[in-house]
Amino acid sequence: MKEVVILIPDLEKEQNIEIDVRINGRSQSLQYRVELLDWEGRIKSPTDKVQVLRHKIEAYDKDWELVEVGPPTDKNISLMFRKKSTDNSPKT
């Protein structure tokens, strides 16, 4: 799949994004979620952060797939999920 980068202003705690695109004349709707995972101040070591991140991803709604992990900061890390398509054929 080719990639198109779309800038999303001001990252909030949770954002739901719906994008309608036309590819070769066919309409398709894509849904994304961007979530911030807070370290909550008590998680200090990189190993602990990895464990928290792994748990969040494994426990996430199975109708969504992880597509991007953002750069970590001292306070949080962003995760982007894409809604799995139940029908892969584009709408015309």
Protein backbone atom coordinates (compact mmCIF):
# COMPACT_ATOMS: atom_id res chain seq x y z
CA MET A 1 0.00 0.00 0.00
CA LYS A 2 1.27 3.46 -0.86
CA GLU A 3 1.40 6.07 1.88
CA VAL A 4 0.00 9.56 2.01
CA VAL A 5 0.96 11.78 4.93
CA ILE A 6 -1.76 14.00 6.37
CA LEU A 7 -0.88 16.42 9.14
CA ILE A 8 -3.29 16.32 12.07
CA PRO A 9 -3.34 19.47 14.23
CA ASP A 10 -2.96 19.48 18.03
CA LEU A 11 -2.77 15.93 19.27
CA GLU A 12 -5.43 15.35 21.92
CA LYS A 13 -5.70 12.47 24.35
CA GLU A 14 -7.74 10.55 21.77
CA GLN A 15 -8.65 11.47 18.21
CA ASN A 16 -10.93 9.61 15.82
CA ILE A 17 -10.17 10.35 12.20
CA GLU A 18 -12.31 9.43 9.21
CA ILE A 19 -10.90 9.94 5.74
CA ASP A 20 -12.86 9.54 2.51
CA VAL A 21 -10.61 9.03 -0.49
CA ARG A 22 -11.03 8.34 -4.17
CA ILE A 23 -8.49 5.95 -5.66
CA ASN A 24 -8.75 5.50 -9.42
CA GLY A 25 -12.29 6.85 -9.25
CA ARG A 26 -13.41 4.52 -6.47
CA SER A 27 -14.48 5.90 -3.09
CA GLN A 28 -13.13 4.36 0.06
CA SER A 29 -13.59 5.35 3.70
CA LEU A 30 -10.71 4.87 6.14
CA GLN A 31 -10.91 5.20 9.93
CA TYR A 32 -8.00 5.90 12.25
CA ARG A 33 -7.56 6.45 15.96
CA VAL A 34 -4.67 8.33 17.49
CA GLU A 35 -4.19 7.81 21.21
CA LEU A 36 -1.65 9.07 23.70
CA LEU A 37 -0.38 6.52 26.19
CA ASP A 38 0.73 8.36 29.32
CA TRP A 39 3.62 7.01 31.35
CA GLU A 40 1.85 8.47 34.40
CA GLY A 41 5.10 9.66 35.98
CA ARG A 42 5.75 6.43 37.82
CA ILE A 43 7.20 4.48 34.92
CA LYS A 44 10.87 5.36 34.64
CA SER A 45 12.84 2.58 33.03
CA PRO A 46 12.73 1.85 29.29
CA THR A 47 11.95 -1.79 30.09
CA ASP A 48 8.84 -0.79 32.08
CA LYS A 49 7.72 1.52 29.27
CA VAL A 50 8.05 -1.30 26.75
CA GLN A 51 5.96 -3.59 28.98
CA VAL A 52 3.19 -0.95 29.33
CA LEU A 53 3.25 -0.35 25.58
CA ARG A 54 3.14 -4.07 24.79
CA HIS A 55 0.18 -4.58 27.15
CA LYS A 56 -1.74 -1.65 25.61
CA ILE A 57 -1.25 -2.99 22.07
CA GLU A 58 -2.10 -6.61 22.95
CA ALA A 59 -5.25 -5.58 24.86
CA TYR A 60 -6.49 -3.17 22.17
CA ASP A 61 -9.79 -3.74 20.34
CA LYS A 62 -9.13 -6.50 17.78
CA ASP A 63 -11.17 -4.63 15.13
CA TRP A 64 -8.28 -2.15 14.97
CA GLU A 65 -4.67 -2.70 13.88
CA LEU A 66 -1.60 -0.80 14.99
CA VAL A 67 -0.10 1.17 12.10
CA GLU A 68 2.31 3.56 13.80
CA VAL A 69 4.09 4.14 17.09
CA GLY A 70 5.21 7.74 17.52
CA PRO A 71 8.40 8.93 19.14
CA PRO A 72 8.31 8.59 22.94
CA THR A 73 8.60 11.57 25.24
CA ASP A 74 9.20 11.67 28.99
CA LYS A 75 5.42 11.93 29.51
CA ASN A 76 3.79 9.79 26.78
CA ILE A 77 3.88 8.04 23.41
CA SER A 78 1.37 8.27 20.55
CA LEU A 79 -0.18 5.23 18.91
CA MET A 80 -2.10 5.20 15.64
CA PHE A 81 -4.58 2.42 14.89
CA ARG A 82 -6.51 1.75 11.66
CA LYS A 83 -9.94 0.12 11.58
CA LYS A 84 -9.66 -3.27 9.90
CA SER A 85 -11.72 -3.44 6.76
CA THR A 86 -14.45 -6.05 6.73
CA ASP A 87 -14.78 -5.59 2.97
CA ASN A 88 -11.55 -4.87 1.11
CA SER A 89 -13.25 -3.86 -2.11
CA PRO A 90 -13.51 -0.09 -2.68
CA LYS A 91 -16.91 1.51 -3.18
CA THR A 92 -17.65 2.85 -6.63
